[in-house]
PDB file of N, CA and C in Angstrom:
ATOM      1  N   MET A   1     114.079 143.955  37.318  1.00  0.00           N
ATOM      2  CA  MET A   1     112.916 142.945  37.730  1.00  0.00           C
ATOM      3  C   MET A   1     111.647 142.969  37.305  1.00  0.00           C
ATOM      4  N   PRO A   2     111.750 142.144  36.371  1.00  0.00           N
ATOM      5  CA  PRO A   2     110.561 141.834  36.354  1.00  0.00           C
ATOM      6  C   PRO A   2     109.143 142.225  36.961  1.00  0.00           C
ATOM      7  N   ALA A   3     108.368 142.878  36.527  1.00  0.00           N
ATOM      8  CA  ALA A   3     106.992 143.033  37.176  1.00  0.00           C
ATOM      9  C   ALA A   3     106.295 141.787  37.815  1.00  0.00           C
ATOM     10  N   PHE A   4     105.410 142.567  38.918  1.00  0.00           N
ATOM     11  CA  PHE A   4     104.851 140.874  39.580  1.00  0.00           C
ATOM     12  C   PHE A   4     105.754 139.795  40.226  1.00  0.00           C
ATOM     13  N   THR A   5     107.049 140.132  40.521  1.00  0.00           N
ATOM     14  CA  THR A   5     107.858 139.344  41.240  1.00  0.00           C
ATOM     15  C   THR A   5     108.027 139.076  42.620  1.00  0.00           C
ATOM     16  N   ASP A   6     107.675 138.107  42.755  1.00  0.00           N
ATOM     17  CA  ASP A   6     107.640 137.833  44.245  1.00  0.00           C
ATOM     18  C   ASP A   6     109.147 137.858  45.030  1.00  0.00           C
ATOM     19  N   VAL A   7     109.484 138.719  46.053  1.00  0.00           N
ATOM     20  CA  VAL A   7     110.605 138.994  46.578  1.00  0.00           C
ATOM     21  C   VAL A   7     110.526 138.461  48.007  1.00  0.00           C
ATOM     22  N   ASP A   8     110.899 137.724  48.347  1.00  0.00           N
ATOM     23  CA  ASP A   8     111.232 136.875  49.535  1.00  0.00           C
ATOM     24  C   ASP A   8     112.082 136.936  50.383  1.00  0.00           C
ATOM     25  N   TRP A   9     112.452 136.827  51.548  1.00  0.00           N
ATOM     26  CA  TRP A   9     113.278 136.792  52.617  1.00  0.00           C
ATOM     27  C   TRP A   9     112.760 136.458  53.771  1.00  0.00           C
ATOM     28  N   ARG A  10     114.260 135.845  54.582  1.00  0.00           N
ATOM     29  CA  ARG A  10     113.736 135.509  55.962  1.00  0.00           C
ATOM     30  C   ARG A  10     114.933 135.903  56.797  1.00  0.00           C
ATOM     31  N   VAL A  11     115.032 136.228  58.073  1.00  0.00           N
ATOM     32  CA  VAL A  11     116.015 136.890  58.732  1.00  0.00           C
ATOM     33  C   VAL A  11     115.747 136.231  60.081  1.00  0.00           C
ATOM     34  N   ARG A  12     117.297 136.664  60.983  1.00  0.00           N
ATOM     35  CA  ARG A  12     117.365 136.365  62.404  1.00  0.00           C
ATOM     36  C   ARG A  12     118.183 137.252  62.797  1.00  0.00           C
ATOM     37  N   GLY A  13     118.347 137.201  64.146  1.00  0.00           N
ATOM     38  CA  GLY A  13     119.230 138.280  65.344  1.00  0.00           C
ATOM     39  C   GLY A  13     120.236 137.873  65.865  1.00  0.00           C
ATOM     40  N   PHE A  14     121.081 138.367  66.055  1.00  0.00           N
ATOM     41  CA  PHE A  14     122.418 138.010  66.565  1.00  0.00           C
ATOM     42  C   PHE A  14     122.905 139.178  67.328  1.00  0.00           C
ATOM     43  N   ASP A  15     122.771 138.789  69.022  1.00  0.00           N
ATOM     44  CA  ASP A  15     123.413 139.572  70.085  1.00  0.00           C
ATOM     45  C   ASP A  15     124.754 139.282  70.357  1.00  0.00           C
ATOM     46  N   GLY A  16     125.803 138.819  69.498  1.00  0.00           N
ATOM     47  CA  GLY A  16     126.835 138.734  69.715  1.00  0.00           C
ATOM     48  C   GLY A  16     127.517 137.450  70.357  1.00  0.00           C
ATOM     49  N   THR A  17     126.770 136.908  70.785  1.00  0.00           N
ATOM     50  CA  THR A  17     126.689 135.636  71.478  1.00  0.00           C
ATOM     51  C   THR A  17     125.962 134.352  71.168  1.00  0.00           C
ATOM     52  N   ALA A  18     124.598 135.003  70.640  1.00  0.00           N
ATOM     53  CA  ALA A  18     123.639 133.850  70.116  1.00  0.00           C
ATOM     54  C   ALA A  18     122.759 134.139  69.308  1.00  0.00           C
ATOM     55  N   TRP A  19     122.593 133.469  68.093  1.00  0.00           N
ATOM     56  CA  TRP A  19     121.768 133.479  67.168  1.00  0.00           C
ATOM     57  C   TRP A  19     120.480 133.427  67.529  1.00  0.00           C
ATOM     58  N   GLY A  20     119.400 134.071  67.019  1.00  0.00           N
ATOM     59  CA  GLY A  20     117.778 134.137  67.456  1.00  0.00           C
ATOM     60  C   GLY A  20     117.138 132.683  66.504  1.00  0.00           C
ATOM     61  N   PRO A  21     115.892 132.537  66.710  1.00  0.00           N
ATOM     62  CA  PRO A  21     115.525 131.890  65.680  1.00  0.00           C
ATOM     63  C   PRO A  21     114.835 132.752  64.103  1.00  0.00           C
ATOM     64  N   TRP A  22     114.754 131.708  62.945  1.00  0.00           N
ATOM     65  CA  TRP A  22     114.595 132.378  61.874  1.00  0.00           C
ATOM     66  C   TRP A  22     113.279 132.991  61.768  1.00  0.00           C
ATOM     67  N   SER A  23     112.867 133.837  61.215  1.00  0.00           N
ATOM     68  CA  SER A  23     111.645 134.802  61.042  1.00  0.00           C
ATOM     69  C   SER A  23     110.853 133.701  60.744  1.00  0.00           C
ATOM     70  N   SER A  24     110.976 132.711  59.861  1.00  0.00           N
ATOM     71  CA  SER A  24     110.067 131.805  59.168  1.00  0.00           C
ATOM     72  C   SER A  24     110.159 130.276  60.091  1.00  0.00           C
ATOM     73  N   ASP A  25     110.618 130.301  61.117  1.00  0.00           N
ATOM     74  CA  ASP A  25     110.307 129.159  62.299  1.00  0.00           C
ATOM     75  C   ASP A  25     109.020 129.168  62.555  1.00  0.00           C
ATOM     76  N   ASP A  26     108.430 127.985  63.019  1.00  0.00           N
ATOM     77  CA  ASP A  26     107.443 127.761  63.416  1.00  0.00           C
ATOM     78  C   ASP A  26     106.206 128.331  62.561  1.00  0.00           C
ATOM     79  N   GLY A  27     106.371 127.496  61.238  1.00  0.00           N
ATOM     80  CA  GLY A  27     105.279 127.865  60.068  1.00  0.00           C
ATOM     81  C   GLY A  27     104.990 129.382  60.095  1.00  0.00           C
ATOM     82  N   ARG A  28     105.689 130.484  60.554  1.00  0.00           N
ATOM     83  CA  ARG A  28     104.973 131.953  60.302  1.00  0.00           C
ATOM     84  C   ARG A  28     105.607 132.300  58.940  1.00  0.00           C
ATOM     85  N   GLY A  29     106.194 131.257  57.811  1.00  0.00           N
ATOM     86  CA  GLY A  29     106.630 131.586  56.557  1.00  0.00           C
ATOM     87  C   GLY A  29     107.392 133.048  56.184  1.00  0.00           C
ATOM     88  N   LEU A  30     108.014 133.399  54.919  1.00  0.00           N
ATOM     89  CA  LEU A  30     108.817 134.195  54.376  1.00  0.00           C
ATOM     90  C   LEU A  30     108.481 135.534  54.916  1.00  0.00           C
ATOM     91  N   CYS A  31     108.862 136.800  55.100  1.00  0.00           N
ATOM     92  CA  CYS A  31     108.585 137.727  54.537  1.00  0.00           C
ATOM     93  C   CYS A  31     108.566 138.632  53.231  1.00  0.00           C
ATOM     94  N   GLY A  32     107.909 139.071  53.065  1.00  0.00           N
ATOM     95  CA  GLY A  32     107.851 139.020  50.874  1.00  0.00           C
ATOM     96  C   GLY A  32     107.000 140.245  50.880  1.00  0.00           C
ATOM     97  N   PHE A  33     107.400 140.549  49.311  1.00  0.00           N
ATOM     98  CA  PHE A  33     106.307 141.369  49.150  1.00  0.00           C
ATOM     99  C   PHE A  33     106.012 141.173  47.284  1.00  0.00           C
ATOM    100  N   VAL A  34     105.337 141.686  46.643  1.00  0.00           N
ATOM    101  CA  VAL A  34     105.437 141.314  45.022  1.00  0.00           C
ATOM    102  C   VAL A  34     105.848 142.945  44.445  1.00  0.00           C
ATOM    103  N   TYR A  35     106.740 142.662  43.716  1.00  0.00           N
ATOM    104  CA  TYR A  35     107.055 144.021  43.199  1.00  0.00           C
ATOM    105  C   TYR A  35     106.225 144.380  42.123  1.00  0.00           C
ATOM    106  N   ASP A  36     105.786 145.644  41.930  1.00  0.00           N
ATOM    107  CA  ASP A  36     104.293 145.484  41.060  1.00  0.00           C
ATOM    108  C   ASP A  36     105.260 147.285  40.224  1.00  0.00           C
ATOM    109  N   THR A  37     105.278 146.975  39.202  1.00  0.00           N
ATOM    110  CA  THR A  37     105.555 148.381  38.346  1.00  0.00           C
ATOM    111  C   THR A  37     104.580 149.282  38.274  1.00  0.00           C
ATOM    112  N   GLU A  38     102.939 148.906  38.580  1.00  0.00           N
ATOM    113  CA  GLU A  38     101.732 149.833  37.955  1.00  0.00           C
ATOM    114  C   GLU A  38     101.552 150.522  39.071  1.00  0.00           C
ATOM    115  N   GLN A  39     101.231 152.120  39.148  1.00  0.00           N
ATOM    116  CA  GLN A  39     100.974 152.605  39.975  1.00  0.00           C
ATOM    117  C   GLN A  39      99.255 152.398  40.576  1.00  0.00           C
ATOM    118  N   PRO A  40      98.895 152.527  41.501  1.00  0.00           N
ATOM    119  CA  PRO A  40      97.549 152.324  42.318  1.00  0.00           C
ATOM    120  C   PRO A  40      96.896 153.889  41.484  1.00  0.00           C
ATOM    121  N   ALA A  41      95.596 153.526  41.764  1.00  0.00           N
ATOM    122  CA  ALA A  41      94.313 154.600  41.245  1.00  0.00           C
ATOM    123  C   ALA A  41      94.763 155.703  42.712  1.00  0.00           C
ATOM    124  N   LYS A  42      94.774 156.808  42.350  1.00  0.00           N
ATOM    125  CA  LYS A  42      95.116 157.873  43.426  1.00  0.00           C
ATOM    126  C   LYS A  42      93.816 157.488  44.480  1.00  0.00           C
ATOM    127  N   PRO A  43      93.687 157.730  46.041  1.00  0.00           N
ATOM    128  CA  PRO A  43      92.875 157.520  46.568  1.00  0.00           C
ATOM    129  C   PRO A  43      91.565 158.481  46.378  1.00  0.00           C
ATOM    130  N   SER A  44      90.566 158.274  47.503  1.00  0.00           N
ATOM    131  CA  SER A  44      89.777 159.226  47.482  1.00  0.00           C
ATOM    132  C   SER A  44      89.566 159.812  49.149  1.00  0.00           C
ATOM    133  N   VAL A  45      89.430 160.975  49.202  1.00  0.00           N
ATOM    134  CA  VAL A  45      89.521 161.506  50.328  1.00  0.00           C
ATOM    135  C   VAL A  45      88.361 162.328  51.020  1.00  0.00           C
ATOM    136  N   SER A  46      87.959 162.015  52.091  1.00  0.00           N
ATOM    137  CA  SER A  46      86.826 162.760  52.185  1.00  0.00           C
ATOM    138  C   SER A  46      86.857 163.524  53.795  1.00  0.00           C
ATOM    139  N   SER A  47      86.253 164.273  54.285  1.00  0.00           N
ATOM    140  CA  SER A  47      85.808 164.652  55.193  1.00  0.00           C
ATOM    141  C   SER A  47      84.653 165.541  55.770  1.00  0.00           C
ATOM    142  N   PRO A  48      83.675 164.971  56.591  1.00  0.00           N
ATOM    143  CA  PRO A  48      82.757 166.457  56.878  1.00  0.00           C
ATOM    144  C   PRO A  48      83.054 167.406  57.437  1.00  0.00           C
ATOM    145  N   GLU A  49      83.962 167.622  57.936  1.00  0.00           N
ATOM    146  CA  GLU A  49      84.462 169.110  58.802  1.00  0.00           C
ATOM    147  C   GLU A  49      85.361 169.866  57.057  1.00  0.00           C
ATOM    148  N   TYR A  50      85.687 168.895  56.212  1.00  0.00           N
ATOM    149  CA  TYR A  50      86.363 169.669  54.897  1.00  0.00           C
ATOM    150  C   TYR A  50      85.898 169.395  54.115  1.00  0.00           C
ATOM    151  N   PRO A  51      84.584 169.393  53.468  1.00  0.00           N
ATOM    152  CA  PRO A  51      84.145 169.102  52.342  1.00  0.00           C
ATOM    153  C   PRO A  51      84.573 169.336  51.192  1.00  0.00           C
ATOM    154  N   ASP A  52      84.465 168.889  50.171  1.00  0.00           N
ATOM    155  CA  ASP A  52      85.229 169.070  48.763  1.00  0.00           C
ATOM    156  C   ASP A  52      84.091 169.839  48.165  1.00  0.00           C
ATOM    157  N   ASP A  53      84.161 171.438  48.658  1.00  0.00           N
ATOM    158  CA  ASP A  53      83.324 172.145  48.113  1.00  0.00           C
ATOM    159  C   ASP A  53      84.209 173.447  47.510  1.00  0.00           C
ATOM    160  N   GLN A  54      84.821 173.186  46.485  1.00  0.00           N
ATOM    161  CA  GLN A  54      86.080 174.457  46.201  1.00  0.00           C
ATOM    162  C   GLN A  54      85.383 175.986  46.268  1.00  0.00           C
ATOM    163  N   GLU A  55      83.737 175.827  46.322  1.00  0.00           N
ATOM    164  CA  GLU A  55      82.926 177.229  46.247  1.00  0.00           C
ATOM    165  C   GLU A  55      83.198 178.163  47.785  1.00  0.00           C
ATOM    166  N   SER A  56      83.584 177.222  48.696  1.00  0.00           N
ATOM    167  CA  SER A  56      83.375 177.676  50.003  1.00  0.00           C
ATOM    168  C   SER A  56      84.914 177.495  51.111  1.00  0.00           C
ATOM    169  N   TRP A  57      85.347 178.439  52.069  1.00  0.00           N
ATOM    170  CA  TRP A  57      86.334 178.731  52.897  1.00  0.00           C
ATOM    171  C   TRP A  57      85.945 177.899  53.862  1.00  0.00           C
ATOM    172  N   HIS A  58      87.108 176.914  54.083  1.00  0.00           N
ATOM    173  CA  HIS A  58      87.057 176.086  55.643  1.00  0.00           C
ATOM    174  C   HIS A  58      88.490 177.152  56.313  1.00  0.00           C
ATOM    175  N   ASP A  59      87.919 177.480  57.571  1.00  0.00           N
ATOM    176  CA  ASP A  59      89.049 177.435  58.210  1.00  0.00           C
ATOM    177  C   ASP A  59      89.787 176.673  59.203  1.00  0.00           C
ATOM    178  N   GLY A  60      90.688 176.008  59.116  1.00  0.00           N
ATOM    179  CA  GLY A  60      91.001 174.740  59.613  1.00  0.00           C
ATOM    180  C   GLY A  60      92.421 174.780  60.323  1.00  0.00           C
ATOM    181  N   VAL A  61      93.200 176.102  60.918  1.00  0.00           N
ATOM    182  CA  VAL A  61      94.110 176.488  61.597  1.00  0.00           C
ATOM    183  C   VAL A  61      93.441 176.094  62.968  1.00  0.00           C
ATOM    184  N   GLY A  62      94.441 175.465  63.724  1.00  0.00           N
ATOM    185  CA  GLY A  62      94.045 174.687  65.390  1.00  0.00           C
ATOM    186  C   GLY A  62      92.571 173.957  65.434  1.00  0.00           C
ATOM    187  N   SER A  63      91.498 173.689  64.197  1.00  0.00           N
ATOM    188  CA  SER A  63      90.688 172.927  64.547  1.00  0.00           C
ATOM    189  C   SER A  63      90.812 171.353  63.828  1.00  0.00           C
ATOM    190  N   CYS A  64      90.338 170.419  64.635  1.00  0.00           N
ATOM    191  CA  CYS A  64      90.620 169.042  63.954  1.00  0.00           C
ATOM    192  C   CYS A  64      89.585 168.495  63.325  1.00  0.00           C
ATOM    193  N   GLY A  65      90.125 168.061  62.491  1.00  0.00           N
ATOM    194  CA  GLY A  65      89.291 167.082  61.342  1.00  0.00           C
ATOM    195  C   GLY A  65      89.503 165.987  61.420  1.00  0.00           C
ATOM    196  N   THR A  66      88.643 165.209  60.882  1.00  0.00           N
ATOM    197  CA  THR A  66      88.883 163.624  60.701  1.00  0.00           C
ATOM    198  C   THR A  66      88.507 163.500  58.612  1.00  0.00           C
ATOM    199  N   PHE A  67      89.039 162.524  58.437  1.00  0.00           N
ATOM    200  CA  PHE A  67      89.235 162.528  57.073  1.00  0.00           C
ATOM    201  C   PHE A  67      89.103 160.671  56.627  1.00  0.00           C
ATOM    202  N   THR A  68      88.489 160.596  55.777  1.00  0.00           N
ATOM    203  CA  THR A  68      88.327 159.059  55.306  1.00  0.00           C
ATOM    204  C   THR A  68      89.095 159.107  53.752  1.00  0.00           C
ATOM    205  N   VAL A  69      90.126 157.629  53.781  1.00  0.00           N
ATOM    206  CA  VAL A  69      91.015 157.666  52.568  1.00  0.00           C
ATOM    207  C   VAL A  69      90.641 156.059  52.129  1.00  0.00           C
ATOM    208  N   ASP A  70      90.228 156.110  51.168  1.00  0.00           N
ATOM    209  CA  ASP A  70      89.676 154.829  50.279  1.00  0.00           C
ATOM    210  C   ASP A  70      90.629 155.059  49.028  1.00  0.00           C
ATOM    211  N   SER A  71      90.439 153.661  48.896  1.00  0.00           N
ATOM    212  CA  SER A  71      91.327 153.630  47.133  1.00  0.00           C
ATOM    213  C   SER A  71      89.640 152.225  46.359  1.00  0.00           C
ATOM    214  N   SER A  72      90.171 152.931  45.415  1.00  0.00           N
ATOM    215  CA  SER A  72      89.730 151.908  44.414  1.00  0.00           C
ATOM    216  C   SER A  72      90.146 150.919  43.856  1.00  0.00           C
ATOM    217  N   SER A  73      92.093 150.634  43.842  1.00  0.00           N
ATOM    218  CA  SER A  73      92.768 149.830  43.319  1.00  0.00           C
ATOM    219  C   SER A  73      92.679 148.503  44.384  1.00  0.00           C
ATOM    220  N   ASP A  74      92.366 147.348  43.835  1.00  0.00           N
ATOM    221  CA  ASP A  74      92.316 146.279  44.793  1.00  0.00           C
ATOM    222  C   ASP A  74      93.793 145.751  45.616  1.00  0.00           C
ATOM    223  N   ASP A  75      94.818 146.358  45.114  1.00  0.00           N
ATOM    224  CA  ASP A  75      96.213 145.983  45.488  1.00  0.00           C
ATOM    225  C   ASP A  75      96.631 146.533  46.335  1.00  0.00           C
ATOM    226  N   THR A  76      95.828 147.478  47.196  1.00  0.00           N
ATOM    227  CA  THR A  76      96.277 148.862  48.100  1.00  0.00           C
ATOM    228  C   THR A  76      95.928 148.407  49.461  1.00  0.00           C
ATOM    229  N   VAL A  77      96.772 148.399  49.992  1.00  0.00           N
ATOM    230  CA  VAL A  77      96.513 147.370  51.699  1.00  0.00           C
ATOM    231  C   VAL A  77      96.542 148.789  52.460  1.00  0.00           C
ATOM    232  N   SER A  78      97.010 149.703  52.598  1.00  0.00           N
ATOM    233  CA  SER A  78      97.037 150.634  53.504  1.00  0.00           C
ATOM    234  C   SER A  78      97.596 151.890  53.059  1.00  0.00           C
ATOM    235  N   TYR A  79      97.272 152.980  54.373  1.00  0.00           N
ATOM    236  CA  TYR A  79      97.840 153.822  54.063  1.00  0.00           C
ATOM    237  C   TYR A  79      98.766 154.538  55.221  1.00  0.00           C
ATOM    238  N   VAL A  80      99.429 155.408  54.962  1.00  0.00           N
ATOM    239  CA  VAL A  80     100.622 155.771  56.059  1.00  0.00           C
ATOM    240  C   VAL A  80     100.442 157.523  56.035  1.00  0.00           C
ATOM    241  N   SER A  81     100.080 158.045  57.071  1.00  0.00           N
ATOM    242  CA  SER A  81      99.899 159.511  57.067  1.00  0.00           C
ATOM    243  C   SER A  81     101.399 159.874  57.959  1.00  0.00           C
ATOM    244  N   ALA A  82     101.835 161.266  57.295  1.00  0.00           N
ATOM    245  CA  ALA A  82     102.942 161.730  58.003  1.00  0.00           C
ATOM    246  C   ALA A  82     102.620 162.733  59.075  1.00  0.00           C
ATOM    247  N   GLY A  83     101.296 162.576  59.203  1.00  0.00           N
ATOM    248  CA  GLY A  83     100.844 164.199  60.387  1.00  0.00           C
ATOM    249  C   GLY A  83     101.038 163.207  61.602  1.00  0.00           C
ATOM    250  N   ASP A  84     100.248 163.453  62.275  1.00  0.00           N
ATOM    251  CA  ASP A  84      99.995 162.584  63.947  1.00  0.00           C
ATOM    252  C   ASP A  84     100.249 161.190  63.975  1.00  0.00           C
ATOM    253  N   PRO A  85     101.178 160.811  64.414  1.00  0.00           N
ATOM    254  CA  PRO A  85     101.639 159.113  64.685  1.00  0.00           C
ATOM    255  C   PRO A  85     100.689 158.314  65.340  1.00  0.00           C
ATOM    256  N   SER A  86      99.715 158.978  66.318  1.00  0.00           N
ATOM    257  CA  SER A  86      98.793 158.791  66.954  1.00  0.00           C
ATOM    258  C   SER A  86      97.325 158.095  66.119  1.00  0.00           C
ATOM    259  N   VAL A  87      97.612 158.664  64.978  1.00  0.00           N
ATOM    260  CA  VAL A  87      96.447 158.533  63.887  1.00  0.00           C
ATOM    261  C   VAL A  87      96.402 156.793  63.395  1.00  0.00           C
TER     262      VAL A  87
END
């Protein structure tokens, strides 16, 4: 598939008796994404509790912290954490 190709689809459910509406009904448009072969830039990650000061030790066992994740790539929409699902 060529880079920057639009991939679109629509779906609808069937419960064995009746079909639901198409996902694109009522002007909602198609589901989709753009296939991009270029890897985005690595995000920057910062934390007031765990600063990037490689000279100091920061004990983290049992201690919560907050982290800010930011990207310099203009096509990065979001990040998903594999940690606590409530975050």
